[in-house]
Amino acid sequence: MTTVEIEYCVPCGFLSRAEDVQRALLTTFREDLEAVTLRTGDDGVFVVRVDDDVVFDKSEDPYDVDEIVRKIRAYV
């Protein structure tokens, strides 16, 4: 089954952004995901991984929850 990890920068205040992505994924995919976990980080990090593959990195991609969901759909 598919697992998703959302690593977010705590000092940057990215918790709400991480929760928004988590909520969207759980609402969209429900029981098709084994887990959607939040992992604390720093230095401006906001990375979404699916089974250890990076599907979103704030330093390379524009933040768009719908686009993150679309990218993860390919793994589910």
N, C-alpha and C. Protein backbone atom coordinates (compact mmCIF):
# COMPACT_ATOMS: atom_id res chain seq x y z
N MET A 1 0.83 -1.19 0.00
CA MET A 1 0.00 0.00 0.00
C MET A 1 0.87 1.25 0.00
N THR A 2 0.31 2.34 -0.39
CA THR A 2 1.04 3.59 -0.57
C THR A 2 1.14 4.37 0.73
N THR A 3 2.34 4.89 1.02
CA THR A 3 2.54 5.77 2.17
C THR A 3 3.04 7.12 1.68
N VAL A 4 2.58 8.17 2.34
CA VAL A 4 2.97 9.53 1.99
C VAL A 4 3.57 10.18 3.22
N GLU A 5 4.67 10.90 3.01
CA GLU A 5 5.31 11.66 4.09
C GLU A 5 5.38 13.12 3.65
N ILE A 6 4.93 14.00 4.53
CA ILE A 6 5.00 15.44 4.28
C ILE A 6 5.98 16.02 5.28
N GLU A 7 7.13 16.46 4.80
CA GLU A 7 8.14 17.09 5.66
C GLU A 7 7.99 18.60 5.53
N TYR A 8 7.84 19.28 6.67
CA TYR A 8 7.57 20.71 6.63
C TYR A 8 8.45 21.46 7.64
N CYS A 9 8.72 22.72 7.32
CA CYS A 9 9.55 23.58 8.16
C CYS A 9 8.71 24.13 9.31
N VAL A 10 9.09 23.76 10.54
CA VAL A 10 8.38 24.23 11.72
C VAL A 10 8.60 25.73 11.95
N PRO A 11 9.86 26.23 11.96
CA PRO A 11 10.07 27.66 12.20
C PRO A 11 9.41 28.55 11.14
N CYS A 12 9.19 28.01 9.95
CA CYS A 12 8.60 28.79 8.86
C CYS A 12 7.08 28.88 8.97
N GLY A 13 6.50 28.10 9.87
CA GLY A 13 5.05 28.10 10.02
C GLY A 13 4.32 27.31 8.95
N PHE A 14 4.94 26.26 8.43
CA PHE A 14 4.34 25.48 7.34
C PHE A 14 3.41 24.36 7.83
N LEU A 15 3.13 24.30 9.13
CA LEU A 15 2.26 23.25 9.64
C LEU A 15 0.88 23.29 8.98
N SER A 16 0.27 24.46 8.89
CA SER A 16 -1.07 24.53 8.29
C SER A 16 -1.05 24.09 6.83
N ARG A 17 0.00 24.43 6.12
CA ARG A 17 0.15 24.00 4.73
C ARG A 17 0.25 22.47 4.67
N ALA A 18 1.04 21.89 5.56
CA ALA A 18 1.18 20.42 5.60
C ALA A 18 -0.15 19.76 5.94
N GLU A 19 -0.89 20.34 6.87
CA GLU A 19 -2.20 19.80 7.24
C GLU A 19 -3.19 19.90 6.09
N ASP A 20 -3.11 20.97 5.31
CA ASP A 20 -3.99 21.12 4.14
C ASP A 20 -3.74 20.01 3.13
N VAL A 21 -2.46 19.72 2.87
CA VAL A 21 -2.12 18.65 1.94
C VAL A 21 -2.56 17.30 2.50
N GLN A 22 -2.29 17.08 3.78
CA GLN A 22 -2.69 15.82 4.42
C GLN A 22 -4.20 15.62 4.32
N ARG A 23 -4.97 16.65 4.63
CA ARG A 23 -6.43 16.56 4.58
C ARG A 23 -6.91 16.27 3.16
N ALA A 24 -6.33 16.95 2.18
CA ALA A 24 -6.72 16.73 0.78
C ALA A 24 -6.45 15.30 0.34
N LEU A 25 -5.31 14.77 0.74
CA LEU A 25 -4.95 13.40 0.37
C LEU A 25 -5.87 12.38 1.04
N LEU A 26 -6.12 12.56 2.32
CA LEU A 26 -6.97 11.61 3.03
C LEU A 26 -8.42 11.68 2.55
N THR A 27 -8.87 12.86 2.19
CA THR A 27 -10.23 13.02 1.67
C THR A 27 -10.35 12.40 0.27
N THR A 28 -9.33 12.58 -0.54
CA THR A 28 -9.36 12.10 -1.92
C THR A 28 -9.17 10.59 -2.00
N PHE A 29 -8.17 10.07 -1.29
CA PHE A 29 -7.79 8.67 -1.47
C PHE A 29 -8.29 7.73 -0.38
N ARG A 30 -8.70 8.28 0.75
CA ARG A 30 -9.27 7.51 1.86
C ARG A 30 -8.43 6.29 2.21
N GLU A 31 -9.03 5.11 2.17
CA GLU A 31 -8.33 3.89 2.60
C GLU A 31 -7.35 3.36 1.56
N ASP A 32 -7.22 4.02 0.42
CA ASP A 32 -6.22 3.60 -0.57
C ASP A 32 -4.80 3.97 -0.14
N LEU A 33 -4.68 4.82 0.86
CA LEU A 33 -3.38 5.19 1.41
C LEU A 33 -3.18 4.47 2.74
N GLU A 34 -2.01 3.91 2.92
CA GLU A 34 -1.71 3.25 4.19
C GLU A 34 -1.51 4.28 5.29
N ALA A 35 -0.80 5.37 4.96
CA ALA A 35 -0.52 6.41 5.95
C ALA A 35 -0.16 7.70 5.24
N VAL A 36 -0.52 8.82 5.89
CA VAL A 36 -0.07 10.14 5.47
C VAL A 36 0.50 10.79 6.72
N THR A 37 1.83 10.83 6.80
CA THR A 37 2.49 11.29 8.02
C THR A 37 3.10 12.67 7.84
N LEU A 38 3.17 13.39 8.95
CA LEU A 38 3.83 14.70 8.98
C LEU A 38 5.17 14.52 9.67
N ARG A 39 6.20 15.11 9.08
CA ARG A 39 7.55 15.04 9.63
C ARG A 39 8.09 16.46 9.78
N THR A 40 8.54 16.79 10.97
CA THR A 40 9.04 18.14 11.21
C THR A 40 10.42 18.33 10.59
N GLY A 41 10.67 19.56 10.16
CA GLY A 41 11.95 19.91 9.56
C GLY A 41 12.23 21.39 9.79
N ASP A 42 13.26 21.89 9.12
CA ASP A 42 13.62 23.30 9.22
C ASP A 42 14.26 23.75 7.91
N ASP A 43 14.88 24.90 7.90
CA ASP A 43 15.58 25.43 6.72
C ASP A 43 14.66 25.60 5.51
N GLY A 44 13.38 25.90 5.75
CA GLY A 44 12.47 26.18 4.65
C GLY A 44 11.95 24.97 3.91
N VAL A 45 12.16 23.78 4.46
CA VAL A 45 11.77 22.55 3.76
C VAL A 45 10.25 22.40 3.69
N PHE A 46 9.78 21.97 2.55
CA PHE A 46 8.41 21.48 2.37
C PHE A 46 8.47 20.48 1.23
N VAL A 47 8.51 19.21 1.60
CA VAL A 47 8.70 18.13 0.63
C VAL A 47 7.63 17.07 0.87
N VAL A 48 7.06 16.58 -0.23
CA VAL A 48 6.09 15.48 -0.15
C VAL A 48 6.70 14.28 -0.84
N ARG A 49 6.73 13.16 -0.11
CA ARG A 49 7.30 11.92 -0.66
C ARG A 49 6.22 10.83 -0.69
N VAL A 50 6.24 10.03 -1.73
CA VAL A 50 5.37 8.87 -1.83
C VAL A 50 6.28 7.65 -1.93
N ASP A 51 6.19 6.78 -0.95
CA ASP A 51 7.05 5.59 -0.92
C ASP A 51 8.51 5.97 -1.19
N ASP A 52 8.98 7.02 -0.55
CA ASP A 52 10.36 7.53 -0.63
C ASP A 52 10.70 8.26 -1.93
N ASP A 53 9.77 8.38 -2.87
CA ASP A 53 9.99 9.18 -4.08
C ASP A 53 9.50 10.60 -3.83
N VAL A 54 10.31 11.60 -4.13
CA VAL A 54 9.90 12.99 -3.97
C VAL A 54 8.95 13.35 -5.11
N VAL A 55 7.72 13.76 -4.75
CA VAL A 55 6.75 14.18 -5.77
C VAL A 55 6.52 15.69 -5.73
N PHE A 56 6.94 16.33 -4.63
CA PHE A 56 6.83 17.79 -4.54
C PHE A 56 7.95 18.30 -3.65
N ASP A 57 8.61 19.37 -4.11
CA ASP A 57 9.65 20.04 -3.33
C ASP A 57 9.46 21.53 -3.53
N LYS A 58 9.18 22.24 -2.44
CA LYS A 58 8.92 23.67 -2.51
C LYS A 58 10.03 24.44 -3.20
N SER A 59 11.24 23.96 -3.10
CA SER A 59 12.37 24.67 -3.71
C SER A 59 12.37 24.53 -5.24
N GLU A 60 11.57 23.59 -5.78
CA GLU A 60 11.55 23.36 -7.22
C GLU A 60 10.18 23.55 -7.86
N ASP A 61 9.11 23.40 -7.08
CA ASP A 61 7.75 23.41 -7.62
C ASP A 61 6.92 24.50 -6.96
N PRO A 62 5.98 25.10 -7.71
CA PRO A 62 5.04 26.04 -7.08
C PRO A 62 4.05 25.27 -6.20
N TYR A 63 3.72 25.84 -5.04
CA TYR A 63 2.80 25.18 -4.11
C TYR A 63 1.39 25.20 -4.67
N ASP A 64 0.82 24.02 -4.88
CA ASP A 64 -0.54 23.88 -5.38
C ASP A 64 -1.06 22.53 -4.88
N VAL A 65 -1.98 22.57 -3.94
CA VAL A 65 -2.49 21.34 -3.33
C VAL A 65 -3.08 20.41 -4.39
N ASP A 66 -3.85 20.96 -5.32
CA ASP A 66 -4.47 20.13 -6.35
C ASP A 66 -3.42 19.43 -7.21
N GLU A 67 -2.35 20.11 -7.51
CA GLU A 67 -1.28 19.51 -8.32
C GLU A 67 -0.57 18.40 -7.54
N ILE A 68 -0.38 18.60 -6.25
CA ILE A 68 0.23 17.56 -5.41
C ILE A 68 -0.65 16.31 -5.42
N VAL A 69 -1.96 16.50 -5.28
CA VAL A 69 -2.90 15.37 -5.31
C VAL A 69 -2.82 14.66 -6.65
N ARG A 70 -2.76 15.41 -7.74
CA ARG A 70 -2.67 14.79 -9.08
C ARG A 70 -1.40 13.96 -9.21
N LYS A 71 -0.29 14.47 -8.71
CA LYS A 71 0.97 13.72 -8.79
C LYS A 71 0.90 12.42 -7.99
N ILE A 72 0.25 12.47 -6.85
CA ILE A 72 0.17 11.28 -6.00
C ILE A 72 -0.80 10.25 -6.58
N ARG A 73 -1.78 10.70 -7.33
CA ARG A 73 -2.75 9.79 -7.93
C ARG A 73 -2.06 8.71 -8.77
N ALA A 74 -0.95 9.05 -9.40
CA ALA A 74 -0.21 8.08 -10.22
C ALA A 74 0.35 6.92 -9.39
N TYR A 75 0.51 7.13 -8.09
CA TYR A 75 1.07 6.09 -7.22
C TYR A 75 0.00 5.22 -6.56
N VAL A 76 -1.22 5.73 -6.53
CA VAL A 76 -2.29 5.04 -5.79
C VAL A 76 -3.01 4.04 -6.68
